[in-house]
Amino acid sequence: MARREVVEIICDRCKRVETQSPSSVPDKEKVAQELLIDFHGKKVVYEDLCRKCRKTVGNYYDKITKAPEEEEVQVKKPEDGPSPSPEPAPKGGLFRRSKATG
């Protein structure tokens, strides 16, 4: 009979119950929480995260810690001379009744 030790966690973010191998779960004696954010007095603490939330939080972290790229703003130059004015609508509106149908 084969046996394997697993750790059952309840995700603090999505409340999913998941079993993980002991090597993938941070040691609680070494790490008190997986994620701690303190931003202007607003605190978020996650002690246990499932695989999906760990990946999502990791992606968020990568986005907010990445330096913004400088984008060159291209300004359209005006064409030579005044812009052409639109043609006026035909007299009587766009839709006219034919005299035959009344």
N, C-alpha and C. Protein backbone atom coordinates (compact mmCIF):
# COMPACT_ATOMS: atom_id res chain seq x y z
N MET A 1 0.85 -1.17 0.00
CA MET A 1 0.00 0.00 0.00
C MET A 1 0.90 1.24 0.00
N ALA A 2 0.59 2.19 -0.88
CA ALA A 2 1.38 3.43 -0.96
C ALA A 2 0.71 4.51 -0.10
N ARG A 3 1.55 5.24 0.58
CA ARG A 3 1.05 6.34 1.41
C ARG A 3 1.81 7.60 1.07
N ARG A 4 1.10 8.70 1.24
CA ARG A 4 1.74 9.99 0.99
C ARG A 4 1.13 11.00 1.97
N GLU A 5 1.99 11.80 2.56
CA GLU A 5 1.51 12.84 3.46
C GLU A 5 1.07 14.04 2.64
N VAL A 6 -0.06 14.63 3.04
CA VAL A 6 -0.56 15.84 2.40
C VAL A 6 -1.00 16.81 3.49
N VAL A 7 -1.06 18.07 3.10
CA VAL A 7 -1.53 19.11 4.00
C VAL A 7 -2.80 19.68 3.41
N GLU A 8 -3.84 19.75 4.21
CA GLU A 8 -5.10 20.34 3.74
C GLU A 8 -5.13 21.79 4.17
N ILE A 9 -5.37 22.67 3.21
CA ILE A 9 -5.46 24.10 3.54
C ILE A 9 -6.81 24.62 3.10
N ILE A 10 -7.24 25.67 3.76
CA ILE A 10 -8.42 26.43 3.34
C ILE A 10 -7.89 27.79 2.91
N CYS A 11 -8.09 28.11 1.64
CA CYS A 11 -7.54 29.34 1.08
C CYS A 11 -8.18 30.55 1.76
N ASP A 12 -7.34 31.47 2.22
CA ASP A 12 -7.84 32.67 2.89
C ASP A 12 -8.51 33.63 1.91
N ARG A 13 -8.19 33.50 0.63
CA ARG A 13 -8.73 34.43 -0.37
C ARG A 13 -10.05 33.94 -0.95
N CYS A 14 -10.12 32.68 -1.39
CA CYS A 14 -11.33 32.18 -2.05
C CYS A 14 -12.07 31.11 -1.26
N LYS A 15 -11.54 30.69 -0.12
CA LYS A 15 -12.13 29.68 0.78
C LYS A 15 -12.16 28.28 0.18
N ARG A 16 -11.41 28.02 -0.88
CA ARG A 16 -11.32 26.69 -1.48
C ARG A 16 -10.53 25.79 -0.54
N VAL A 17 -10.98 24.55 -0.41
CA VAL A 17 -10.26 23.55 0.39
C VAL A 17 -9.42 22.75 -0.59
N GLU A 18 -8.12 22.64 -0.28
CA GLU A 18 -7.20 22.00 -1.21
C GLU A 18 -6.16 21.21 -0.44
N THR A 19 -5.78 20.08 -0.99
CA THR A 19 -4.68 19.32 -0.39
C THR A 19 -3.42 19.60 -1.19
N GLN A 20 -2.34 19.82 -0.49
CA GLN A 20 -1.06 20.13 -1.12
C GLN A 20 0.02 19.28 -0.48
N SER A 21 1.10 19.10 -1.22
CA SER A 21 2.22 18.36 -0.64
C SER A 21 2.89 19.25 0.39
N PRO A 22 3.45 18.68 1.43
CA PRO A 22 4.08 19.48 2.48
C PRO A 22 5.20 20.37 1.97
N SER A 23 5.87 19.97 0.89
CA SER A 23 6.96 20.80 0.37
C SER A 23 6.47 22.07 -0.32
N SER A 24 5.21 22.09 -0.80
CA SER A 24 4.70 23.28 -1.48
C SER A 24 4.07 24.29 -0.52
N VAL A 25 3.84 23.88 0.71
CA VAL A 25 3.24 24.77 1.70
C VAL A 25 4.35 25.41 2.53
N PRO A 26 4.38 26.76 2.64
CA PRO A 26 5.42 27.41 3.45
C PRO A 26 5.36 26.94 4.90
N ASP A 27 6.52 26.77 5.51
CA ASP A 27 6.62 26.35 6.90
C ASP A 27 6.16 27.49 7.80
N LYS A 28 5.14 27.25 8.60
CA LYS A 28 4.56 28.30 9.45
C LYS A 28 5.55 28.82 10.49
N GLU A 29 6.53 28.03 10.84
CA GLU A 29 7.53 28.50 11.80
C GLU A 29 8.48 29.51 11.17
N LYS A 30 8.72 29.37 9.86
CA LYS A 30 9.63 30.29 9.16
C LYS A 30 8.89 31.49 8.58
N VAL A 31 7.69 31.24 8.05
CA VAL A 31 6.92 32.30 7.39
C VAL A 31 5.58 32.41 8.09
N ALA A 32 5.28 33.59 8.62
CA ALA A 32 4.02 33.78 9.35
C ALA A 32 2.84 33.90 8.39
N GLN A 33 3.05 34.51 7.21
CA GLN A 33 1.99 34.66 6.24
C GLN A 33 2.57 34.61 4.83
N GLU A 34 1.73 34.19 3.87
CA GLU A 34 2.18 34.13 2.48
C GLU A 34 2.18 35.52 1.86
N LEU A 35 1.23 36.37 2.28
CA LEU A 35 1.14 37.70 1.71
C LEU A 35 0.71 38.68 2.79
N LEU A 36 1.43 39.79 2.88
CA LEU A 36 1.08 40.86 3.81
C LEU A 36 1.21 42.17 3.06
N ILE A 37 0.11 42.91 2.96
CA ILE A 37 0.12 44.22 2.30
C ILE A 37 -0.40 45.23 3.31
N ASP A 38 0.35 46.29 3.51
CA ASP A 38 -0.08 47.41 4.35
C ASP A 38 0.07 48.67 3.51
N PHE A 39 -1.05 49.15 2.98
CA PHE A 39 -1.02 50.29 2.07
C PHE A 39 -1.92 51.38 2.63
N HIS A 40 -1.29 52.44 3.11
CA HIS A 40 -2.01 53.59 3.69
C HIS A 40 -3.03 53.14 4.74
N GLY A 41 -2.63 52.26 5.61
CA GLY A 41 -3.50 51.83 6.69
C GLY A 41 -4.45 50.70 6.33
N LYS A 42 -4.53 50.33 5.05
CA LYS A 42 -5.38 49.20 4.64
C LYS A 42 -4.49 47.96 4.63
N LYS A 43 -4.90 46.96 5.40
CA LYS A 43 -4.08 45.75 5.51
C LYS A 43 -4.78 44.56 4.88
N VAL A 44 -3.98 43.74 4.21
CA VAL A 44 -4.44 42.47 3.66
C VAL A 44 -3.42 41.43 4.08
N VAL A 45 -3.90 40.36 4.72
CA VAL A 45 -3.01 39.29 5.16
C VAL A 45 -3.62 37.97 4.71
N TYR A 46 -2.82 37.19 3.98
CA TYR A 46 -3.22 35.84 3.60
C TYR A 46 -2.18 34.88 4.18
N GLU A 47 -2.64 33.94 5.00
CA GLU A 47 -1.73 32.96 5.57
C GLU A 47 -1.65 31.72 4.70
N ASP A 48 -2.75 31.33 4.09
CA ASP A 48 -2.78 30.15 3.22
C ASP A 48 -3.47 30.51 1.91
N LEU A 49 -2.84 30.14 0.81
CA LEU A 49 -3.41 30.38 -0.51
C LEU A 49 -3.42 29.08 -1.31
N CYS A 50 -4.49 28.85 -2.06
CA CYS A 50 -4.54 27.69 -2.95
C CYS A 50 -3.64 27.98 -4.15
N ARG A 51 -3.45 26.97 -4.99
CA ARG A 51 -2.55 27.13 -6.15
C ARG A 51 -3.04 28.25 -7.08
N LYS A 52 -4.34 28.28 -7.34
CA LYS A 52 -4.90 29.28 -8.26
C LYS A 52 -4.72 30.69 -7.71
N CYS A 53 -5.02 30.90 -6.44
CA CYS A 53 -4.88 32.23 -5.84
C CYS A 53 -3.41 32.62 -5.70
N ARG A 54 -2.53 31.65 -5.44
CA ARG A 54 -1.11 31.95 -5.34
C ARG A 54 -0.59 32.46 -6.69
N LYS A 55 -1.06 31.84 -7.78
CA LYS A 55 -0.66 32.29 -9.12
C LYS A 55 -1.24 33.67 -9.42
N THR A 56 -2.51 33.89 -9.08
CA THR A 56 -3.16 35.18 -9.32
C THR A 56 -2.49 36.29 -8.54
N VAL A 57 -2.23 36.05 -7.26
CA VAL A 57 -1.57 37.06 -6.43
C VAL A 57 -0.15 37.32 -6.94
N GLY A 58 0.53 36.27 -7.41
CA GLY A 58 1.87 36.44 -7.98
C GLY A 58 1.84 37.32 -9.23
N ASN A 59 0.81 37.14 -10.07
CA ASN A 59 0.68 37.98 -11.26
C ASN A 59 0.41 39.44 -10.88
N TYR A 60 -0.46 39.66 -9.88
CA TYR A 60 -0.72 41.02 -9.40
C TYR A 60 0.57 41.65 -8.89
N TYR A 61 1.32 40.88 -8.14
CA TYR A 61 2.58 41.38 -7.59
C TYR A 61 3.54 41.79 -8.71
N ASP A 62 3.64 40.94 -9.72
CA ASP A 62 4.53 41.26 -10.85
C ASP A 62 4.10 42.55 -11.54
N LYS A 63 2.78 42.76 -11.67
CA LYS A 63 2.28 43.96 -12.35
C LYS A 63 2.54 45.23 -11.55
N ILE A 64 2.31 45.17 -10.24
CA ILE A 64 2.45 46.41 -9.46
C ILE A 64 3.89 46.74 -9.13
N THR A 65 4.79 45.75 -9.19
CA THR A 65 6.19 46.04 -8.89
C THR A 65 7.01 46.32 -10.15
N LYS A 66 6.41 46.10 -11.31
CA LYS A 66 7.11 46.35 -12.57
C LYS A 66 7.14 47.85 -12.84
N ALA A 67 8.29 48.35 -13.25
CA ALA A 67 8.40 49.77 -13.58
C ALA A 67 7.57 50.06 -14.82
N PRO A 68 6.83 51.17 -14.81
CA PRO A 68 6.01 51.48 -15.98
C PRO A 68 6.89 51.78 -17.18
N GLU A 69 6.45 51.31 -18.33
CA GLU A 69 7.19 51.56 -19.56
C GLU A 69 6.79 52.92 -20.11
N GLU A 70 7.77 53.62 -20.61
CA GLU A 70 7.48 54.91 -21.20
C GLU A 70 6.96 54.70 -22.61
N GLU A 71 5.79 55.25 -22.85
CA GLU A 71 5.21 55.14 -24.17
C GLU A 71 5.35 56.48 -24.88
N GLU A 72 5.74 56.41 -26.13
CA GLU A 72 5.84 57.63 -26.90
C GLU A 72 4.45 57.98 -27.40
N VAL A 73 4.05 59.19 -27.10
CA VAL A 73 2.74 59.66 -27.54
C VAL A 73 2.93 60.33 -28.89
N GLN A 74 2.23 59.82 -29.88
CA GLN A 74 2.34 60.40 -31.21
C GLN A 74 1.21 61.39 -31.40
N VAL A 75 1.59 62.62 -31.71
CA VAL A 75 0.62 63.69 -31.90
C VAL A 75 0.37 63.82 -33.39
N LYS A 76 -0.91 63.83 -33.77
CA LYS A 76 -1.24 64.01 -35.18
C LYS A 76 -1.01 65.45 -35.57
N LYS A 77 -0.32 65.63 -36.66
CA LYS A 77 -0.11 66.98 -37.16
C LYS A 77 -1.30 67.36 -38.02
N PRO A 78 -1.76 68.60 -37.90
CA PRO A 78 -2.89 69.01 -38.74
C PRO A 78 -2.46 69.06 -40.21
N GLU A 79 -3.39 68.70 -41.10
CA GLU A 79 -3.11 68.74 -42.52
C GLU A 79 -2.99 70.19 -42.97
N ASP A 80 -2.33 70.38 -44.09
CA ASP A 80 -2.19 71.73 -44.64
C ASP A 80 -3.56 72.27 -45.03
N GLY A 81 -3.84 73.49 -44.64
CA GLY A 81 -5.10 74.14 -45.00
C GLY A 81 -6.22 73.73 -44.07
N PRO A 82 -7.39 74.38 -44.25
CA PRO A 82 -8.53 74.06 -43.39
C PRO A 82 -9.10 72.69 -43.72
N SER A 83 -9.71 72.09 -42.72
CA SER A 83 -10.30 70.77 -42.94
C SER A 83 -11.57 70.93 -43.76
N PRO A 84 -11.86 69.95 -44.61
CA PRO A 84 -13.06 70.07 -45.44
C PRO A 84 -14.31 69.97 -44.58
N SER A 85 -15.30 70.79 -44.91
CA SER A 85 -16.55 70.76 -44.14
C SER A 85 -17.44 69.65 -44.70
N PRO A 86 -18.27 69.06 -43.86
CA PRO A 86 -19.14 67.99 -44.34
C PRO A 86 -20.20 68.54 -45.28
N GLU A 87 -20.65 67.67 -46.19
CA GLU A 87 -21.69 68.09 -47.13
C GLU A 87 -23.00 68.26 -46.38
N PRO A 88 -23.79 69.28 -46.74
CA PRO A 88 -25.08 69.49 -46.06
C PRO A 88 -26.06 68.38 -46.44
N ALA A 89 -26.99 68.12 -45.54
CA ALA A 89 -28.02 67.11 -45.79
C ALA A 89 -28.94 67.62 -46.90
N PRO A 90 -29.49 66.70 -47.70
CA PRO A 90 -30.38 67.13 -48.77
C PRO A 90 -31.61 67.84 -48.21
N LYS A 91 -32.16 68.74 -48.99
CA LYS A 91 -33.33 69.51 -48.57
C LYS A 91 -34.50 68.55 -48.36
N GLY A 92 -35.19 68.71 -47.28
CA GLY A 92 -36.31 67.84 -46.98
C GLY A 92 -35.92 66.63 -46.15
N GLY A 93 -34.67 66.55 -45.72
CA GLY A 93 -34.22 65.45 -44.88
C GLY A 93 -33.59 64.35 -45.69
N LEU A 94 -33.11 63.33 -45.01
CA LEU A 94 -32.43 62.24 -45.68
C LEU A 94 -33.40 61.29 -46.39
N PHE A 95 -34.59 61.13 -45.83
CA PHE A 95 -35.55 60.20 -46.40
C PHE A 95 -36.70 60.99 -46.98
N ARG A 96 -36.95 60.84 -48.26
CA ARG A 96 -38.06 61.51 -48.92
C ARG A 96 -39.05 60.48 -49.42
N ARG A 97 -40.28 60.84 -49.36
CA ARG A 97 -41.30 60.00 -49.94
C ARG A 97 -41.37 60.29 -51.43
N SER A 98 -41.53 59.26 -52.19
CA SER A 98 -41.71 59.51 -53.62
C SER A 98 -43.12 59.99 -53.86
N LYS A 99 -43.29 60.77 -54.89
CA LYS A 99 -44.61 61.35 -55.18
C LYS A 99 -45.58 60.26 -55.63
N ALA A 100 -45.10 59.16 -56.13
CA ALA A 100 -45.96 58.10 -56.61
C ALA A 100 -46.66 57.39 -55.46
N THR A 101 -45.95 57.20 -54.31
CA THR A 101 -46.55 56.46 -53.19
C THR A 101 -47.30 57.36 -52.25
N GLY A 102 -47.11 58.66 -52.33
CA GLY A 102 -47.89 59.61 -51.59
C GLY A 102 -47.38 59.88 -50.28
